[in-house]
Amino acid sequence: MVIFGLRTKVFVLAVLTLVCPRCGNPAAHPLHRAVTKFSLFFVPLFPVRTRYTTQCTFCGFTNRLAKDQADHLLRQASGQPPLT
């Protein structure tokens, strides 16, 4: 018998203060990276999907981001100049 499946782990990369596009309030938005990996016999082997999101702590709105947008926000949070 072979046991396989998918497992997702969520990592918080940074906490940013942004204006929410839904409620319009400036609030903390944690930047999350969710990595889904294929696992065989409960051992994660390789990543299948990676998603980046921010979530408003005021209203709970979740916004999906592209990788380049997440990298840009992460560079802003660390105080590094943006890439041109």
PDB file of N, CA and C in Angstrom:
ATOM      1  N   MET A   1       0.839  -1.171   0.000  1.00  0.00           N
ATOM      2  CA  MET A   1       0.000   0.000   0.000  1.00  0.00           C
ATOM      3  C   MET A   1       0.889   1.241   0.000  1.00  0.00           C
ATOM      4  N   VAL A   2       0.567   2.185  -0.885  1.00  0.00           N
ATOM      5  CA  VAL A   2       1.313   3.432  -1.012  1.00  0.00           C
ATOM      6  C   VAL A   2       0.457   4.557  -0.449  1.00  0.00           C
ATOM      7  N   ILE A   3       1.035   5.347   0.440  1.00  0.00           N
ATOM      8  CA  ILE A   3       0.326   6.476   1.039  1.00  0.00           C
ATOM      9  C   ILE A   3       0.949   7.759   0.503  1.00  0.00           C
ATOM     10  N   PHE A   4       0.125   8.570  -0.182  1.00  0.00           N
ATOM     11  CA  PHE A   4       0.612   9.831  -0.721  1.00  0.00           C
ATOM     12  C   PHE A   4      -0.449  10.900  -0.549  1.00  0.00           C
ATOM     13  N   GLY A   5      -0.050  12.148  -0.735  1.00  0.00           N
ATOM     14  CA  GLY A   5      -0.993  13.248  -0.607  1.00  0.00           C
ATOM     15  C   GLY A   5      -0.303  14.590  -0.740  1.00  0.00           C
ATOM     16  N   LEU A   6      -1.014  15.634  -0.374  1.00  0.00           N
ATOM     17  CA  LEU A   6      -0.504  17.001  -0.418  1.00  0.00           C
ATOM     18  C   LEU A   6      -0.570  17.599   0.982  1.00  0.00           C
ATOM     19  N   ARG A   7       0.435  18.389   1.314  1.00  0.00           N
ATOM     20  CA  ARG A   7       0.467  19.067   2.604  1.00  0.00           C
ATOM     21  C   ARG A   7       0.850  20.519   2.369  1.00  0.00           C
ATOM     22  N   THR A   8       0.117  21.425   3.010  1.00  0.00           N
ATOM     23  CA  THR A   8       0.373  22.858   2.864  1.00  0.00           C
ATOM     24  C   THR A   8       0.860  23.424   4.183  1.00  0.00           C
ATOM     25  N   LYS A   9       1.958  24.176   4.109  1.00  0.00           N
ATOM     26  CA  LYS A   9       2.465  24.903   5.269  1.00  0.00           C
ATOM     27  C   LYS A   9       2.430  26.387   4.948  1.00  0.00           C
ATOM     28  N   VAL A  10       2.037  27.178   5.939  1.00  0.00           N
ATOM     29  CA  VAL A  10       1.925  28.620   5.769  1.00  0.00           C
ATOM     30  C   VAL A  10       2.986  29.293   6.625  1.00  0.00           C
ATOM     31  N   PHE A  11       3.740  30.212   6.006  1.00  0.00           N
ATOM     32  CA  PHE A  11       4.789  30.947   6.684  1.00  0.00           C
ATOM     33  C   PHE A  11       4.453  32.433   6.661  1.00  0.00           C
ATOM     34  N   VAL A  12       4.664  33.133   7.774  1.00  0.00           N
ATOM     35  CA  VAL A  12       4.485  34.584   7.822  1.00  0.00           C
ATOM     36  C   VAL A  12       5.835  35.213   7.512  1.00  0.00           C
ATOM     37  N   LEU A  13       5.909  35.947   6.403  1.00  0.00           N
ATOM     38  CA  LEU A  13       7.170  36.549   5.973  1.00  0.00           C
ATOM     39  C   LEU A  13       7.411  37.910   6.608  1.00  0.00           C
ATOM     40  N   ALA A  14       6.351  38.701   6.761  1.00  0.00           N
ATOM     41  CA  ALA A  14       6.478  40.046   7.334  1.00  0.00           C
ATOM     42  C   ALA A  14       5.087  40.538   7.720  1.00  0.00           C
ATOM     43  N   VAL A  15       5.060  41.570   8.547  1.00  0.00           N
ATOM     44  CA  VAL A  15       3.804  42.251   8.889  1.00  0.00           C
ATOM     45  C   VAL A  15       3.943  43.690   8.419  1.00  0.00           C
ATOM     46  N   LEU A  16       3.065  44.077   7.508  1.00  0.00           N
ATOM     47  CA  LEU A  16       3.137  45.391   6.873  1.00  0.00           C
ATOM     48  C   LEU A  16       1.936  46.237   7.278  1.00  0.00           C
ATOM     49  N   THR A  17       2.111  47.546   7.308  1.00  0.00           N
ATOM     50  CA  THR A  17       0.987  48.456   7.518  1.00  0.00           C
ATOM     51  C   THR A  17       0.584  48.991   6.151  1.00  0.00           C
ATOM     52  N   LEU A  18      -0.592  48.553   5.686  1.00  0.00           N
ATOM     53  CA  LEU A  18      -1.092  48.931   4.368  1.00  0.00           C
ATOM     54  C   LEU A  18      -2.524  49.427   4.496  1.00  0.00           C
ATOM     55  N   VAL A  19      -2.997  50.121   3.470  1.00  0.00           N
ATOM     56  CA  VAL A  19      -4.396  50.525   3.401  1.00  0.00           C
ATOM     57  C   VAL A  19      -5.149  49.390   2.723  1.00  0.00           C
ATOM     58  N   CYS A  20      -6.174  48.900   3.380  1.00  0.00           N
ATOM     59  CA  CYS A  20      -6.951  47.766   2.869  1.00  0.00           C
ATOM     60  C   CYS A  20      -7.756  48.193   1.647  1.00  0.00           C
ATOM     61  N   PRO A  21      -7.708  47.408   0.558  1.00  0.00           N
ATOM     62  CA  PRO A  21      -8.497  47.780  -0.627  1.00  0.00           C
ATOM     63  C   PRO A  21     -10.003  47.588  -0.438  1.00  0.00           C
ATOM     64  N   ARG A  22     -10.413  46.827   0.569  1.00  0.00           N
ATOM     65  CA  ARG A  22     -11.838  46.575   0.791  1.00  0.00           C
ATOM     66  C   ARG A  22     -12.457  47.586   1.755  1.00  0.00           C
ATOM     67  N   CYS A  23     -11.857  47.737   2.950  1.00  0.00           N
ATOM     68  CA  CYS A  23     -12.468  48.612   3.959  1.00  0.00           C
ATOM     69  C   CYS A  23     -11.847  50.008   3.975  1.00  0.00           C
ATOM     70  N   GLY A  24     -10.675  50.194   3.389  1.00  0.00           N
ATOM     71  CA  GLY A  24     -10.045  51.504   3.311  1.00  0.00           C
ATOM     72  C   GLY A  24      -9.331  51.944   4.570  1.00  0.00           C
ATOM     73  N   ASN A  25      -9.204  51.074   5.567  1.00  0.00           N
ATOM     74  CA  ASN A  25      -8.530  51.424   6.810  1.00  0.00           C
ATOM     75  C   ASN A  25      -7.052  51.037   6.749  1.00  0.00           C
ATOM     76  N   PRO A  26      -6.174  51.891   7.281  1.00  0.00           N
ATOM     77  CA  PRO A  26      -4.773  51.469   7.401  1.00  0.00           C
ATOM     78  C   PRO A  26      -4.663  50.475   8.559  1.00  0.00           C
ATOM     79  N   ALA A  27      -4.192  49.290   8.276  1.00  0.00           N
ATOM     80  CA  ALA A  27      -4.117  48.240   9.290  1.00  0.00           C
ATOM     81  C   ALA A  27      -2.928  47.338   8.996  1.00  0.00           C
ATOM     82  N   ALA A  28      -2.618  46.489   9.956  1.00  0.00           N
ATOM     83  CA  ALA A  28      -1.542  45.521   9.780  1.00  0.00           C
ATOM     84  C   ALA A  28      -1.999  44.433   8.807  1.00  0.00           C
ATOM     85  N   HIS A  29      -1.123  44.089   7.886  1.00  0.00           N
ATOM     86  CA  HIS A  29      -1.380  43.032   6.911  1.00  0.00           C
ATOM     87  C   HIS A  29      -0.208  42.051   6.954  1.00  0.00           C
ATOM     88  N   PRO A  30      -0.382  40.868   7.540  1.00  0.00           N
ATOM     89  CA  PRO A  30       0.692  39.883   7.479  1.00  0.00           C
ATOM     90  C   PRO A  30       0.829  39.342   6.050  1.00  0.00           C
ATOM     91  N   LEU A  31       2.072  39.232   5.603  1.00  0.00           N
ATOM     92  CA  LEU A  31       2.380  38.673   4.292  1.00  0.00           C
ATOM     93  C   LEU A  31       2.665  37.192   4.472  1.00  0.00           C
ATOM     94  N   HIS A  32       1.812  36.335   3.887  1.00  0.00           N
ATOM     95  CA  HIS A  32       1.923  34.885   4.042  1.00  0.00           C
ATOM     96  C   HIS A  32       2.459  34.243   2.766  1.00  0.00           C
ATOM     97  N   ARG A  33       3.231  33.173   2.943  1.00  0.00           N
ATOM     98  CA  ARG A  33       3.624  32.311   1.833  1.00  0.00           C
ATOM     99  C   ARG A  33       3.116  30.908   2.161  1.00  0.00           C
ATOM    100  N   ALA A  34       2.255  30.362   1.314  1.00  0.00           N
ATOM    101  CA  ALA A  34       1.718  29.011   1.505  1.00  0.00           C
ATOM    102  C   ALA A  34       2.359  28.091   0.472  1.00  0.00           C
ATOM    103  N   VAL A  35       3.074  27.072   0.949  1.00  0.00           N
ATOM    104  CA  VAL A  35       3.758  26.131   0.073  1.00  0.00           C
ATOM    105  C   VAL A  35       3.074  24.771   0.199  1.00  0.00           C
ATOM    106  N   THR A  36       2.585  24.259  -0.924  1.00  0.00           N
ATOM    107  CA  THR A  36       1.968  22.943  -0.966  1.00  0.00           C
ATOM    108  C   THR A  36       2.979  21.964  -1.550  1.00  0.00           C
ATOM    109  N   LYS A  37       3.238  20.878  -0.805  1.00  0.00           N
ATOM    110  CA  LYS A  37       4.218  19.886  -1.244  1.00  0.00           C
ATOM    111  C   LYS A  37       3.562  18.522  -1.405  1.00  0.00           C
ATOM    112  N   PHE A  38       4.033  17.769  -2.389  1.00  0.00           N
ATOM    113  CA  PHE A  38       3.625  16.388  -2.563  1.00  0.00           C
ATOM    114  C   PHE A  38       4.366  15.550  -1.539  1.00  0.00           C
ATOM    115  N   SER A  39       3.654  14.666  -0.842  1.00  0.00           N
ATOM    116  CA  SER A  39       4.290  13.833   0.174  1.00  0.00           C
ATOM    117  C   SER A  39       4.016  12.361  -0.115  1.00  0.00           C
ATOM    118  N   LEU A  40       5.024  11.559   0.170  1.00  0.00           N
ATOM    119  CA  LEU A  40       4.938  10.113  -0.003  1.00  0.00           C
ATOM    120  C   LEU A  40       5.335   9.477   1.316  1.00  0.00           C
ATOM    121  N   PHE A  41       4.446   8.670   1.887  1.00  0.00           N
ATOM    122  CA  PHE A  41       4.649   8.078   3.211  1.00  0.00           C
ATOM    123  C   PHE A  41       4.932   9.161   4.256  1.00  0.00           C
ATOM    124  N   PHE A  42       4.165  10.260   4.180  1.00  0.00           N
ATOM    125  CA  PHE A  42       4.226  11.384   5.129  1.00  0.00           C
ATOM    126  C   PHE A  42       5.540  12.157   5.086  1.00  0.00           C
ATOM    127  N   VAL A  43       6.332  11.967   4.035  1.00  0.00           N
ATOM    128  CA  VAL A  43       7.586  12.712   3.851  1.00  0.00           C
ATOM    129  C   VAL A  43       7.374  13.685   2.699  1.00  0.00           C
ATOM    130  N   PRO A  44       7.446  15.007   2.958  1.00  0.00           N
ATOM    131  CA  PRO A  44       7.273  15.971   1.865  1.00  0.00           C
ATOM    132  C   PRO A  44       8.454  15.885   0.901  1.00  0.00           C
ATOM    133  N   LEU A  45       8.146  15.754  -0.402  1.00  0.00           N
ATOM    134  CA  LEU A  45       9.196  15.538  -1.390  1.00  0.00           C
ATOM    135  C   LEU A  45       9.525  16.774  -2.221  1.00  0.00           C
ATOM    136  N   PHE A  46       8.520  17.361  -2.881  1.00  0.00           N
ATOM    137  CA  PHE A  46       8.804  18.517  -3.731  1.00  0.00           C
ATOM    138  C   PHE A  46       7.608  19.455  -3.736  1.00  0.00           C
ATOM    139  N   PRO A  47       7.872  20.756  -3.913  1.00  0.00           N
ATOM    140  CA  PRO A  47       6.768  21.729  -3.916  1.00  0.00           C
ATOM    141  C   PRO A  47       5.942  21.621  -5.198  1.00  0.00           C
ATOM    142  N   VAL A  48       4.638  21.702  -5.024  1.00  0.00           N
ATOM    143  CA  VAL A  48       3.707  21.650  -6.147  1.00  0.00           C
ATOM    144  C   VAL A  48       3.184  23.051  -6.467  1.00  0.00           C
ATOM    145  N   ARG A  49       2.936  23.846  -5.408  1.00  0.00           N
ATOM    146  CA  ARG A  49       2.348  25.174  -5.593  1.00  0.00           C
ATOM    147  C   ARG A  49       2.821  26.093  -4.476  1.00  0.00           C
ATOM    148  N   THR A  50       3.040  27.360  -4.822  1.00  0.00           N
ATOM    149  CA  THR A  50       3.380  28.390  -3.844  1.00  0.00           C
ATOM    150  C   THR A  50       2.458  29.577  -4.077  1.00  0.00           C
ATOM    151  N   ARG A  51       1.813  30.038  -3.002  1.00  0.00           N
ATOM    152  CA  ARG A  51       0.909  31.186  -3.080  1.00  0.00           C
ATOM    153  C   ARG A  51       1.330  32.230  -2.060  1.00  0.00           C
ATOM    154  N   TYR A  52       1.141  33.502  -2.438  1.00  0.00           N
ATOM    155  CA  TYR A  52       1.424  34.632  -1.556  1.00  0.00           C
ATOM    156  C   TYR A  52       0.130  35.393  -1.325  1.00  0.00           C
ATOM    157  N   THR A  53      -0.143  35.747  -0.056  1.00  0.00           N
ATOM    158  CA  THR A  53      -1.349  36.498   0.284  1.00  0.00           C
ATOM    159  C   THR A  53      -1.039  37.507   1.385  1.00  0.00           C
ATOM    160  N   THR A  54      -1.882  38.540   1.452  1.00  0.00           N
ATOM    161  CA  THR A  54      -1.904  39.438   2.599  1.00  0.00           C
ATOM    162  C   THR A  54      -3.325  39.393   3.149  1.00  0.00           C
ATOM    163  N   GLN A  55      -3.463  39.621   4.448  1.00  0.00           N
ATOM    164  CA  GLN A  55      -4.786  39.591   5.070  1.00  0.00           C
ATOM    165  C   GLN A  55      -4.929  40.800   5.989  1.00  0.00           C
ATOM    166  N   CYS A  56      -6.006  41.542   5.793  1.00  0.00           N
ATOM    167  CA  CYS A  56      -6.289  42.710   6.618  1.00  0.00           C
ATOM    168  C   CYS A  56      -6.698  42.250   8.019  1.00  0.00           C
ATOM    169  N   THR A  57      -6.069  42.796   9.035  1.00  0.00           N
ATOM    170  CA  THR A  57      -6.414  42.422  10.407  1.00  0.00           C
ATOM    171  C   THR A  57      -7.653  43.174  10.899  1.00  0.00           C
ATOM    172  N   PHE A  58      -8.111  44.169  10.134  1.00  0.00           N
ATOM    173  CA  PHE A  58      -9.291  44.930  10.539  1.00  0.00           C
ATOM    174  C   PHE A  58     -10.570  44.250  10.061  1.00  0.00           C
ATOM    175  N   CYS A  59     -10.642  43.898   8.765  1.00  0.00           N
ATOM    176  CA  CYS A  59     -11.872  43.311   8.223  1.00  0.00           C
ATOM    177  C   CYS A  59     -11.718  41.855   7.800  1.00  0.00           C
ATOM    178  N   GLY A  60     -10.490  41.347   7.725  1.00  0.00           N
ATOM    179  CA  GLY A  60     -10.265  39.954   7.368  1.00  0.00           C
ATOM    180  C   GLY A  60     -10.147  39.679   5.879  1.00  0.00           C
ATOM    181  N   PHE A  61     -10.141  40.707   5.052  1.00  0.00           N
ATOM    182  CA  PHE A  61     -10.040  40.540   3.604  1.00  0.00           C
ATOM    183  C   PHE A  61      -8.678  39.940   3.239  1.00  0.00           C
ATOM    184  N   THR A  62      -8.690  38.894   2.400  1.00  0.00           N
ATOM    185  CA  THR A  62      -7.459  38.248   1.948  1.00  0.00           C
ATOM    186  C   THR A  62      -7.218  38.609   0.492  1.00  0.00           C
ATOM    187  N   ASN A  63      -6.006  39.078   0.208  1.00  0.00           N
ATOM    188  CA  ASN A  63      -5.633  39.525  -1.119  1.00  0.00           C
ATOM    189  C   ASN A  63      -4.512  38.632  -1.638  1.00  0.00           C
ATOM    190  N   ARG A  64      -4.717  37.966  -2.790  1.00  0.00           N
ATOM    191  CA  ARG A  64      -3.676  37.140  -3.389  1.00  0.00           C
ATOM    192  C   ARG A  64      -2.716  38.018  -4.163  1.00  0.00           C
ATOM    193  N   LEU A  65      -1.430  37.667  -4.094  1.00  0.00           N
ATOM    194  CA  LEU A  65      -0.388  38.434  -4.758  1.00  0.00           C
ATOM    195  C   LEU A  65       0.426  37.541  -5.673  1.00  0.00           C
ATOM    196  N   ALA A  66       1.011  38.161  -6.686  1.00  0.00           N
ATOM    197  CA  ALA A  66       1.988  37.466  -7.521  1.00  0.00           C
ATOM    198  C   ALA A  66       3.329  37.451  -6.781  1.00  0.00           C
ATOM    199  N   LYS A  67       4.237  36.590  -7.214  1.00  0.00           N
ATOM    200  CA  LYS A  67       5.531  36.469  -6.541  1.00  0.00           C
ATOM    201  C   LYS A  67       6.306  37.773  -6.578  1.00  0.00           C
ATOM    202  N   ASP A  68       6.302  38.480  -7.709  1.00  0.00           N
ATOM    203  CA  ASP A  68       7.047  39.736  -7.797  1.00  0.00           C
ATOM    204  C   ASP A  68       6.454  40.816  -6.894  1.00  0.00           C
ATOM    205  N   GLN A  69       5.128  40.837  -6.735  1.00  0.00           N
ATOM    206  CA  GLN A  69       4.501  41.785  -5.816  1.00  0.00           C
ATOM    207  C   GLN A  69       4.894  41.469  -4.377  1.00  0.00           C
ATOM    208  N   ALA A  70       4.907  40.187  -4.016  1.00  0.00           N
ATOM    209  CA  ALA A  70       5.295  39.788  -2.660  1.00  0.00           C
ATOM    210  C   ALA A  70       6.758  40.124  -2.399  1.00  0.00           C
ATOM    211  N   ASP A  71       7.619  39.909  -3.380  1.00  0.00           N
ATOM    212  CA  ASP A  71       9.038  40.254  -3.224  1.00  0.00           C
ATOM    213  C   ASP A  71       9.217  41.755  -3.035  1.00  0.00           C
ATOM    214  N   HIS A  72       8.441  42.542  -3.774  1.00  0.00           N
ATOM    215  CA  HIS A  72       8.513  44.003  -3.641  1.00  0.00           C
ATOM    216  C   HIS A  72       8.085  44.446  -2.238  1.00  0.00           C
ATOM    217  N   LEU A  73       6.982  43.896  -1.732  1.00  0.00           N
ATOM    218  CA  LEU A  73       6.523  44.245  -0.385  1.00  0.00           C
ATOM    219  C   LEU A  73       7.523  43.789   0.677  1.00  0.00           C
ATOM    220  N   LEU A  74       8.132  42.633   0.476  1.00  0.00           N
ATOM    221  CA  LEU A  74       9.115  42.117   1.428  1.00  0.00           C
ATOM    222  C   LEU A  74      10.359  42.996   1.461  1.00  0.00           C
ATOM    223  N   ARG A  75      10.771  43.491   0.304  1.00  0.00           N
ATOM    224  CA  ARG A  75      11.928  44.400   0.257  1.00  0.00           C
ATOM    225  C   ARG A  75      11.587  45.727   0.941  1.00  0.00           C
ATOM    226  N   GLN A  76      10.357  46.203   0.780  1.00  0.00           N
ATOM    227  CA  GLN A  76       9.933  47.433   1.460  1.00  0.00           C
ATOM    228  C   GLN A  76       9.940  47.236   2.971  1.00  0.00           C
ATOM    229  N   ALA A  77       9.495  46.082   3.419  1.00  0.00           N
ATOM    230  CA  ALA A  77       9.417  45.814   4.865  1.00  0.00           C
ATOM    231  C   ALA A  77      10.797  45.739   5.486  1.00  0.00           C
ATOM    232  N   SER A  78      11.775  45.252   4.735  1.00  0.00           N
ATOM    233  CA  SER A  78      13.125  45.121   5.286  1.00  0.00           C
ATOM    234  C   SER A  78      13.930  46.406   5.144  1.00  0.00           C
ATOM    235  N   GLY A  79      13.375  47.416   4.462  1.00  0.00           N
ATOM    236  CA  GLY A  79      14.046  48.694   4.339  1.00  0.00           C
ATOM    237  C   GLY A  79      15.038  48.749   3.200  1.00  0.00           C
ATOM    238  N   GLN A  80      15.060  47.762   2.336  1.00  0.00           N
ATOM    239  CA  GLN A  80      15.958  47.755   1.200  1.00  0.00           C
ATOM    240  C   GLN A  80      15.336  48.546   0.061  1.00  0.00           C
ATOM    241  N   PRO A  81      16.164  49.138  -0.789  1.00  0.00           N
ATOM    242  CA  PRO A  81      15.598  49.892  -1.931  1.00  0.00           C
ATOM    243  C   PRO A  81      14.956  48.934  -2.923  1.00  0.00           C
ATOM    244  N   PRO A  82      13.878  49.363  -3.594  1.00  0.00           N
ATOM    245  CA  PRO A  82      13.216  48.491  -4.578  1.00  0.00           C
ATOM    246  C   PRO A  82      14.099  48.236  -5.781  1.00  0.00           C
ATOM    247  N   LEU A  83      13.907  47.090  -6.403  1.00  0.00           N
ATOM    248  CA  LEU A  83      14.650  46.760  -7.621  1.00  0.00           C
ATOM    249  C   LEU A  83      14.088  47.551  -8.785  1.00  0.00           C
ATOM    250  N   THR A  84      14.953  47.959  -9.697  1.00  0.00           N
ATOM    251  CA  THR A  84      14.477  48.704 -10.872  1.00  0.00           C
ATOM    252  C   THR A  84      14.654  47.903 -12.111  1.00  0.00           C
TER     253      THR A  84
END
